[in-house]
Amino acid sequence: GKPVSDTPYTDPDGGEHRLSDHQGKALLLNFWATW
């Protein structure tokens, strides 16, 4: 129930993004790997 992390993640071009970029929108955040 606490605020989520705002640690940055990137896109393939190196652009930095944060979960706070989606404020006001519900999210399903999924961590995955190709392997």
All heavy atoms as atom14 arrays in JSON, in Angstrom:
{
  "sequence": "GKPVSDTPYTDPDGGEHRLSDHQGKALLLNFWATW",
  "atom14_mask": [
    [1, 1, 1, 1, 0, 0, 0, 0, 0, 0, 0, 0, 0, 0],
    [1, 1, 1, 1, 1, 1, 1, 1, 1, 0, 0, 0, 0, 0],
    [1, 1, 1, 1, 1, 1, 1, 0, 0, 0, 0, 0, 0, 0],
    [1, 1, 1, 1, 1, 1, 1, 0, 0, 0, 0, 0, 0, 0],
    [1, 1, 1, 1, 1, 1, 0, 0, 0, 0, 0, 0, 0, 0],
    [1, 1, 1, 1, 1, 1, 1, 1, 0, 0, 0, 0, 0, 0],
    [1, 1, 1, 1, 1, 1, 1, 0, 0, 0, 0, 0, 0, 0],
    [1, 1, 1, 1, 1, 1, 1, 0, 0, 0, 0, 0, 0, 0],
    [1, 1, 1, 1, 1, 1, 1, 1, 1, 1, 1, 1, 0, 0],
    [1, 1, 1, 1, 1, 1, 1, 0, 0, 0, 0, 0, 0, 0],
    [1, 1, 1, 1, 1, 1, 1, 1, 0, 0, 0, 0, 0, 0],
    [1, 1, 1, 1, 1, 1, 1, 0, 0, 0, 0, 0, 0, 0],
    [1, 1, 1, 1, 1, 1, 1, 1, 0, 0, 0, 0, 0, 0],
    [1, 1, 1, 1, 0, 0, 0, 0, 0, 0, 0, 0, 0, 0],
    [1, 1, 1, 1, 0, 0, 0, 0, 0, 0, 0, 0, 0, 0],
    [1, 1, 1, 1, 1, 1, 1, 1, 1, 0, 0, 0, 0, 0],
    [1, 1, 1, 1, 1, 1, 1, 1, 1, 1, 0, 0, 0, 0],
    [1, 1, 1, 1, 1, 1, 1, 1, 1, 1, 1, 0, 0, 0],
    [1, 1, 1, 1, 1, 1, 1, 1, 0, 0, 0, 0, 0, 0],
    [1, 1, 1, 1, 1, 1, 0, 0, 0, 0, 0, 0, 0, 0],
    [1, 1, 1, 1, 1, 1, 1, 1, 0, 0, 0, 0, 0, 0],
    [1, 1, 1, 1, 1, 1, 1, 1, 1, 1, 0, 0, 0, 0],
    [1, 1, 1, 1, 1, 1, 1, 1, 1, 0, 0, 0, 0, 0],
    [1, 1, 1, 1, 0, 0, 0, 0, 0, 0, 0, 0, 0, 0],
    [1, 1, 1, 1, 1, 1, 1, 1, 1, 0, 0, 0, 0, 0],
    [1, 1, 1, 1, 1, 0, 0, 0, 0, 0, 0, 0, 0, 0],
    [1, 1, 1, 1, 1, 1, 1, 1, 0, 0, 0, 0, 0, 0],
    [1, 1, 1, 1, 1, 1, 1, 1, 0, 0, 0, 0, 0, 0],
    [1, 1, 1, 1, 1, 1, 1, 1, 0, 0, 0, 0, 0, 0],
    [1, 1, 1, 1, 1, 1, 1, 1, 0, 0, 0, 0, 0, 0],
    [1, 1, 1, 1, 1, 1, 1, 1, 1, 1, 1, 0, 0, 0],
    [1, 1, 1, 1, 1, 1, 1, 1, 1, 1, 1, 1, 1, 1],
    [1, 1, 1, 1, 1, 0, 0, 0, 0, 0, 0, 0, 0, 0],
    [1, 1, 1, 1, 1, 1, 1, 0, 0, 0, 0, 0, 0, 0],
    [1, 1, 1, 1, 1, 1, 1, 1, 1, 1, 1, 1, 1, 1]
  ],
  "atom14_positions": [
    [[0.79, -1.22, 0.0], [0.0, 0.0, 0.0], [0.82, 1.28, 0.0], [0.28, 2.37, 0.03], [0.0, 0.0, 0.0], [0.0, 0.0, 0.0], [0.0, 0.0, 0.0], [0.0, 0.0, 0.0], [0.0, 0.0, 0.0], [0.0, 0.0, 0.0], [0.0, 0.0, 0.0], [0.0, 0.0, 0.0], [0.0, 0.0, 0.0], [0.0, 0.0, 0.0]],
    [[2.14, 1.15, -0.05], [3.03, 2.3, 0.01], [3.36, 2.8, -1.4], [3.26, 2.06, -2.37], [4.32, 1.93, 0.73], [4.11, 1.57, 2.18], [5.41, 1.18, 2.83], [5.18, 0.76, 4.27], [6.41, 0.26, 4.88], [0.0, 0.0, 0.0], [0.0, 0.0, 0.0], [0.0, 0.0, 0.0], [0.0, 0.0, 0.0], [0.0, 0.0, 0.0]],
    [[3.81, 4.04, -1.5], [4.26, 4.54, -2.8], [5.39, 3.68, -3.34], [6.26, 3.23, -2.59], [4.76, 5.96, -2.48], [4.02, 6.36, -1.24], [3.87, 5.08, -0.46], [0.0, 0.0, 0.0], [0.0, 0.0, 0.0], [0.0, 0.0, 0.0], [0.0, 0.0, 0.0], [0.0, 0.0, 0.0], [0.0, 0.0, 0.0], [0.0, 0.0, 0.0]],
    [[5.36, 3.46, -4.65], [6.36, 2.61, -5.28], [7.65, 3.38, -5.55], [7.68, 4.61, -5.55], [5.83, 1.97, -6.59], [4.66, 1.06, -6.29], [5.47, 3.03, -7.61], [0.0, 0.0, 0.0], [0.0, 0.0, 0.0], [0.0, 0.0, 0.0], [0.0, 0.0, 0.0], [0.0, 0.0, 0.0], [0.0, 0.0, 0.0], [0.0, 0.0, 0.0]],
    [[8.69, 2.65, -5.81], [10.01, 3.21, -6.09], [9.97, 4.11, -7.33], [9.2, 3.88, -8.26], [10.99, 2.06, -6.34], [12.23, 2.56, -6.8], [0.0, 0.0, 0.0], [0.0, 0.0, 0.0], [0.0, 0.0, 0.0], [0.0, 0.0, 0.0], [0.0, 0.0, 0.0], [0.0, 0.0, 0.0], [0.0, 0.0, 0.0], [0.0, 0.0, 0.0]],
    [[10.82, 5.1, -7.33], [10.96, 5.97, -8.5], [12.34, 5.81, -9.12], [12.84, 6.7, -9.8], [10.67, 7.42, -8.12], [10.1, 8.2, -9.29], [9.42, 7.59, -10.14], [10.34, 9.41, -9.36], [0.0, 0.0, 0.0], [0.0, 0.0, 0.0], [0.0, 0.0, 0.0], [0.0, 0.0, 0.0], [0.0, 0.0, 0.0], [0.0, 0.0, 0.0]],
    [[12.95, 4.65, -8.89], [14.24, 4.34, -9.49], [14.09, 4.32, -11.0], [13.14, 3.74, -11.53], [14.73, 2.97, -8.98], [14.9, 3.05, -7.57], [16.03, 2.56, -9.64], [0.0, 0.0, 0.0], [0.0, 0.0, 0.0], [0.0, 0.0, 0.0], [0.0, 0.0, 0.0], [0.0, 0.0, 0.0], [0.0, 0.0, 0.0], [0.0, 0.0, 0.0]],
    [[15.01, 4.93, -11.73], [14.87, 4.97, -13.18], [15.12, 3.62, -13.85], [15.84, 2.77, -13.33], [15.94, 5.99, -13.61], [16.91, 6.04, -12.5], [16.17, 5.68, -11.25], [0.0, 0.0, 0.0], [0.0, 0.0, 0.0], [0.0, 0.0, 0.0], [0.0, 0.0, 0.0], [0.0, 0.0, 0.0], [0.0, 0.0, 0.0], [0.0, 0.0, 0.0]],
    [[14.51, 3.47, -15.0], [14.76, 2.36, -15.92], [14.89, 3.0, -17.29], [14.67, 4.2, -17.44], [13.64, 1.32, -15.85], [12.24, 1.87, -16.02], [11.65, 1.92, -17.28], [11.52, 2.34, -14.93], [10.37, 2.44, -17.44], [10.25, 2.86, -15.08], [9.68, 2.91, -16.34], [8.42, 3.42, -16.5], [0.0, 0.0, 0.0], [0.0, 0.0, 0.0]],
    [[15.28, 2.24, -18.29], [15.58, 2.84, -19.58], [14.82, 2.18, -20.72], [14.23, 1.11, -20.56], [17.09, 2.76, -19.9], [17.47, 1.38, -19.98], [17.92, 3.47, -18.84], [0.0, 0.0, 0.0], [0.0, 0.0, 0.0], [0.0, 0.0, 0.0], [0.0, 0.0, 0.0], [0.0, 0.0, 0.0], [0.0, 0.0, 0.0], [0.0, 0.0, 0.0]],
    [[14.88, 2.83, -21.87], [14.41, 2.23, -23.12], [15.66, 1.83, -23.91], [16.78, 2.12, -23.49], [13.5, 3.2, -23.89], [14.16, 4.5, -24.25], [15.35, 4.51, -24.65], [13.5, 5.55, -24.12], [0.0, 0.0, 0.0], [0.0, 0.0, 0.0], [0.0, 0.0, 0.0], [0.0, 0.0, 0.0], [0.0, 0.0, 0.0], [0.0, 0.0, 0.0]],
    [[15.51, 1.14, -25.04], [16.68, 0.68, -25.79], [17.6, 1.81, -26.27], [18.79, 1.57, -26.51], [16.08, -0.06, -26.98], [14.75, -0.51, -26.5], [14.27, 0.59, -25.59], [0.0, 0.0, 0.0], [0.0, 0.0, 0.0], [0.0, 0.0, 0.0], [0.0, 0.0, 0.0], [0.0, 0.0, 0.0], [0.0, 0.0, 0.0], [0.0, 0.0, 0.0]],
    [[17.09, 3.02, -26.39], [17.91, 4.15, -26.83], [18.63, 4.84, -25.67], [19.32, 5.84, -25.87], [17.05, 5.17, -27.58], [16.44, 4.59, -28.84], [17.12, 3.77, -29.5], [15.29, 4.95, -29.16], [0.0, 0.0, 0.0], [0.0, 0.0, 0.0], [0.0, 0.0, 0.0], [0.0, 0.0, 0.0], [0.0, 0.0, 0.0], [0.0, 0.0, 0.0]],
    [[18.45, 4.32, -24.46], [19.1, 4.9, -23.29], [18.27, 5.97, -22.61], [18.71, 6.55, -21.62], [0.0, 0.0, 0.0], [0.0, 0.0, 0.0], [0.0, 0.0, 0.0], [0.0, 0.0, 0.0], [0.0, 0.0, 0.0], [0.0, 0.0, 0.0], [0.0, 0.0, 0.0], [0.0, 0.0, 0.0], [0.0, 0.0, 0.0], [0.0, 0.0, 0.0]],
    [[17.08, 6.25, -23.11], [16.2, 7.23, -22.47], [15.8, 6.76, -21.09], [15.49, 5.59, -20.89], [0.0, 0.0, 0.0], [0.0, 0.0, 0.0], [0.0, 0.0, 0.0], [0.0, 0.0, 0.0], [0.0, 0.0, 0.0], [0.0, 0.0, 0.0], [0.0, 0.0, 0.0], [0.0, 0.0, 0.0], [0.0, 0.0, 0.0], [0.0, 0.0, 0.0]],
    [[15.82, 7.67, -20.15], [15.49, 7.33, -18.76], [14.0, 7.55, -18.49], [13.43, 8.55, -18.91], [16.33, 8.21, -17.83], [16.27, 7.77, -16.39], [17.25, 8.54, -15.53], [18.44, 8.17, -15.5], [16.8, 9.53, -14.9], [0.0, 0.0, 0.0], [0.0, 0.0, 0.0], [0.0, 0.0, 0.0], [0.0, 0.0, 0.0], [0.0, 0.0, 0.0]],
    [[13.4, 6.6, -17.79], [11.98, 6.66, -17.44], [11.83, 6.33, -15.96], [12.69, 5.69, -15.36], [11.17, 5.66, -18.27], [11.36, 5.85, -19.74], [10.63, 6.75, -20.47], [12.21, 5.26, -20.61], [11.0, 6.71, -21.73], [11.97, 5.81, -21.84], [0.0, 0.0, 0.0], [0.0, 0.0, 0.0], [0.0, 0.0, 0.0], [0.0, 0.0, 0.0]],
    [[10.71, 6.75, -15.4], [10.38, 6.45, -14.0], [8.9, 6.11, -13.91], [8.1, 6.55, -14.72], [10.68, 7.67, -13.11], [12.13, 8.04, -13.08], [12.35, 9.34, -12.32], [13.75, 9.71, -12.32], [14.64, 9.3, -11.42], [14.26, 8.51, -10.44], [15.89, 9.67, -11.5], [0.0, 0.0, 0.0], [0.0, 0.0, 0.0], [0.0, 0.0, 0.0]],
    [[8.53, 5.34, -12.9], [7.12, 5.0, -12.71], [6.29, 6.26, -12.47], [5.12, 6.31, -12.86], [6.96, 4.0, -11.57], [7.58, 2.62, -11.84], [7.47, 1.74, -10.6], [6.92, 1.95, -13.03], [0.0, 0.0, 0.0], [0.0, 0.0, 0.0], [0.0, 0.0, 0.0], [0.0, 0.0, 0.0], [0.0, 0.0, 0.0], [0.0, 0.0, 0.0]],
    [[6.89, 7.29, -11.88], [6.16, 8.53, -11.64], [5.76, 9.22, -12.95], [4.87, 10.08, -12.94], [6.97, 9.49, -10.77], [8.19, 9.83, -11.41], [0.0, 0.0, 0.0], [0.0, 0.0, 0.0], [0.0, 0.0, 0.0], [0.0, 0.0, 0.0], [0.0, 0.0, 0.0], [0.0, 0.0, 0.0], [0.0, 0.0, 0.0], [0.0, 0.0, 0.0]],
    [[6.37, 8.84, -14.06], [5.96, 9.37, -15.37], [4.51, 8.99, -15.69], [3.89, 9.59, -16.55], [6.85, 8.85, -16.5], [8.3, 9.27, -16.37], [8.59, 10.24, -15.63], [9.16, 8.62, -17.0], [0.0, 0.0, 0.0], [0.0, 0.0, 0.0], [0.0, 0.0, 0.0], [0.0, 0.0, 0.0], [0.0, 0.0, 0.0], [0.0, 0.0, 0.0]],
    [[4.0, 7.98, -14.99], [2.66, 7.46, -15.24], [1.67, 7.84, -14.15], [0.61, 7.22, -14.02], [2.72, 5.93, -15.39], [3.63, 5.49, -16.46], [3.26, 5.46, -17.79], [4.92, 5.08, -16.42], [4.28, 5.04, -18.51], [5.3, 4.81, -17.72], [0.0, 0.0, 0.0], [0.0, 0.0, 0.0], [0.0, 0.0, 0.0], [0.0, 0.0, 0.0]],
    [[2.01, 8.86, -13.36], [1.13, 9.31, -12.28], [-0.28, 9.55, -12.82], [-0.46, 10.1, -13.9], [1.67, 10.6, -11.65], [0.98, 11.0, -10.38], [1.27, 10.07, -9.21], [2.3, 9.41, -9.16], [0.35, 10.02, -8.27], [0.0, 0.0, 0.0], [0.0, 0.0, 0.0], [0.0, 0.0, 0.0], [0.0, 0.0, 0.0], [0.0, 0.0, 0.0]],
    [[-1.29, 9.08, -12.11], [-2.68, 9.23, -12.53], [-3.17, 8.05, -13.36], [-4.32, 8.03, -13.78], [0.0, 0.0, 0.0], [0.0, 0.0, 0.0], [0.0, 0.0, 0.0], [0.0, 0.0, 0.0], [0.0, 0.0, 0.0], [0.0, 0.0, 0.0], [0.0, 0.0, 0.0], [0.0, 0.0, 0.0], [0.0, 0.0, 0.0], [0.0, 0.0, 0.0]],
    [[-2.31, 7.07, -13.57], [-2.65, 5.89, -14.38], [-2.33, 4.64, -13.57], [-1.25, 4.53, -12.99], [-1.81, 5.92, -15.66], [-2.1, 4.82, -16.63], [-1.18, 4.9, -17.86], [-1.58, 6.04, -18.75], [-1.0, 5.93, -20.11], [0.0, 0.0, 0.0], [0.0, 0.0, 0.0], [0.0, 0.0, 0.0], [0.0, 0.0, 0.0], [0.0, 0.0, 0.0]],
    [[-3.27, 3.7, -13.51], [-3.01, 2.42, -12.86], [-2.06, 1.62, -13.75], [-2.12, 1.72, -14.99], [-4.31, 1.66, -12.64], [0.0, 0.0, 0.0], [0.0, 0.0, 0.0], [0.0, 0.0, 0.0], [0.0, 0.0, 0.0], [0.0, 0.0, 0.0], [0.0, 0.0, 0.0], [0.0, 0.0, 0.0], [0.0, 0.0, 0.0], [0.0, 0.0, 0.0]],
    [[-1.18, 0.84, -13.12], [-0.18, 0.09, -13.87], [-0.15, -1.37, -13.49], [-0.33, -1.72, -12.32], [1.22, 0.67, -13.61], [1.47, 2.13, -13.94], [2.84, 2.55, -13.42], [1.34, 2.36, -15.44], [0.0, 0.0, 0.0], [0.0, 0.0, 0.0], [0.0, 0.0, 0.0], [0.0, 0.0, 0.0], [0.0, 0.0, 0.0], [0.0, 0.0, 0.0]],
    [[0.11, -2.2, -14.47], [0.51, -3.58, -14.24], [1.98, -3.6, -14.64], [2.31, -3.48, -15.81], [-0.3, -4.56, -15.08], [-0.01, -6.05, -14.83], [-1.23, -6.89, -15.17], [1.2, -6.53, -15.58], [0.0, 0.0, 0.0], [0.0, 0.0, 0.0], [0.0, 0.0, 0.0], [0.0, 0.0, 0.0], [0.0, 0.0, 0.0], [0.0, 0.0, 0.0]],
    [[2.85, -3.68, -13.65], [4.29, -3.68, -13.86], [4.77, -5.12, -13.83], [4.53, -5.84, -12.85], [4.98, -2.87, -12.76], [6.49, -2.88, -12.71], [7.09, -2.26, -13.98], [6.98, -2.15, -11.47], [0.0, 0.0, 0.0], [0.0, 0.0, 0.0], [0.0, 0.0, 0.0], [0.0, 0.0, 0.0], [0.0, 0.0, 0.0], [0.0, 0.0, 0.0]],
    [[5.42, -5.55, -14.91], [5.85, -6.94, -15.01], [7.35, -6.98, -15.29], [7.82, -6.37, -16.26], [5.08, -7.64, -16.13], [5.5, -9.09, -16.31], [6.42, -9.38, -17.05], [4.79, -9.97, -15.63], [0.0, 0.0, 0.0], [0.0, 0.0, 0.0], [0.0, 0.0, 0.0], [0.0, 0.0, 0.0], [0.0, 0.0, 0.0], [0.0, 0.0, 0.0]],
    [[8.08, -7.67, -14.44], [9.51, -7.9, -14.65], [9.67, -9.26, -15.32], [9.08, -10.25, -14.88], [10.27, -7.88, -13.32], [10.32, -6.53, -12.68], [9.43, -6.18, -11.68], [11.25, -5.59, -13.09], [9.47, -4.93, -11.08], [11.3, -4.33, -12.5], [10.41, -4.0, -11.49], [0.0, 0.0, 0.0], [0.0, 0.0, 0.0], [0.0, 0.0, 0.0]],
    [[10.48, -9.3, -16.38], [10.65, -10.52, -17.16], [12.08, -10.57, -17.69], [12.85, -9.64, -17.51], [9.64, -10.55, -18.31], [9.96, -9.57, -19.41], [9.81, -8.21, -19.38], [10.5, -9.88, -20.68], [10.23, -7.66, -20.56], [10.66, -8.66, -21.38], [10.87, -11.07, -21.3], [11.18, -8.6, -22.67], [11.37, -11.01, -22.59], [11.52, -9.79, -23.27]],
    [[12.41, -11.67, -18.36], [13.72, -11.81, -19.0], [13.57, -12.71, -20.22], [12.7, -13.59, -20.26], [14.74, -12.39, -18.04], [0.0, 0.0, 0.0], [0.0, 0.0, 0.0], [0.0, 0.0, 0.0], [0.0, 0.0, 0.0], [0.0, 0.0, 0.0], [0.0, 0.0, 0.0], [0.0, 0.0, 0.0], [0.0, 0.0, 0.0], [0.0, 0.0, 0.0]],
    [[14.44, -12.5, -21.2], [14.38, -13.3, -22.44], [14.67, -14.76, -22.18], [14.16, -15.62, -22.89], [15.39, -12.77, -23.48], [16.7, -12.74, -22.89], [15.02, -11.38, -23.95], [0.0, 0.0, 0.0], [0.0, 0.0, 0.0], [0.0, 0.0, 0.0], [0.0, 0.0, 0.0], [0.0, 0.0, 0.0], [0.0, 0.0, 0.0], [0.0, 0.0, 0.0]],
    [[15.46, -15.07, -21.17], [15.83, -16.45, -20.87], [14.82, -17.17, -19.98], [14.95, -18.36, -19.71], [17.21, -16.48, -20.2], [17.34, -15.5, -19.08], [17.9, -14.26, -19.14], [16.87, -15.66, -17.73], [17.82, -13.62, -17.91], [17.18, -14.47, -17.03], [16.22, -16.68, -17.05], [16.88, -14.28, -15.69], [15.92, -16.49, -15.72], [16.24, -15.3, -15.05]]
  ]
}
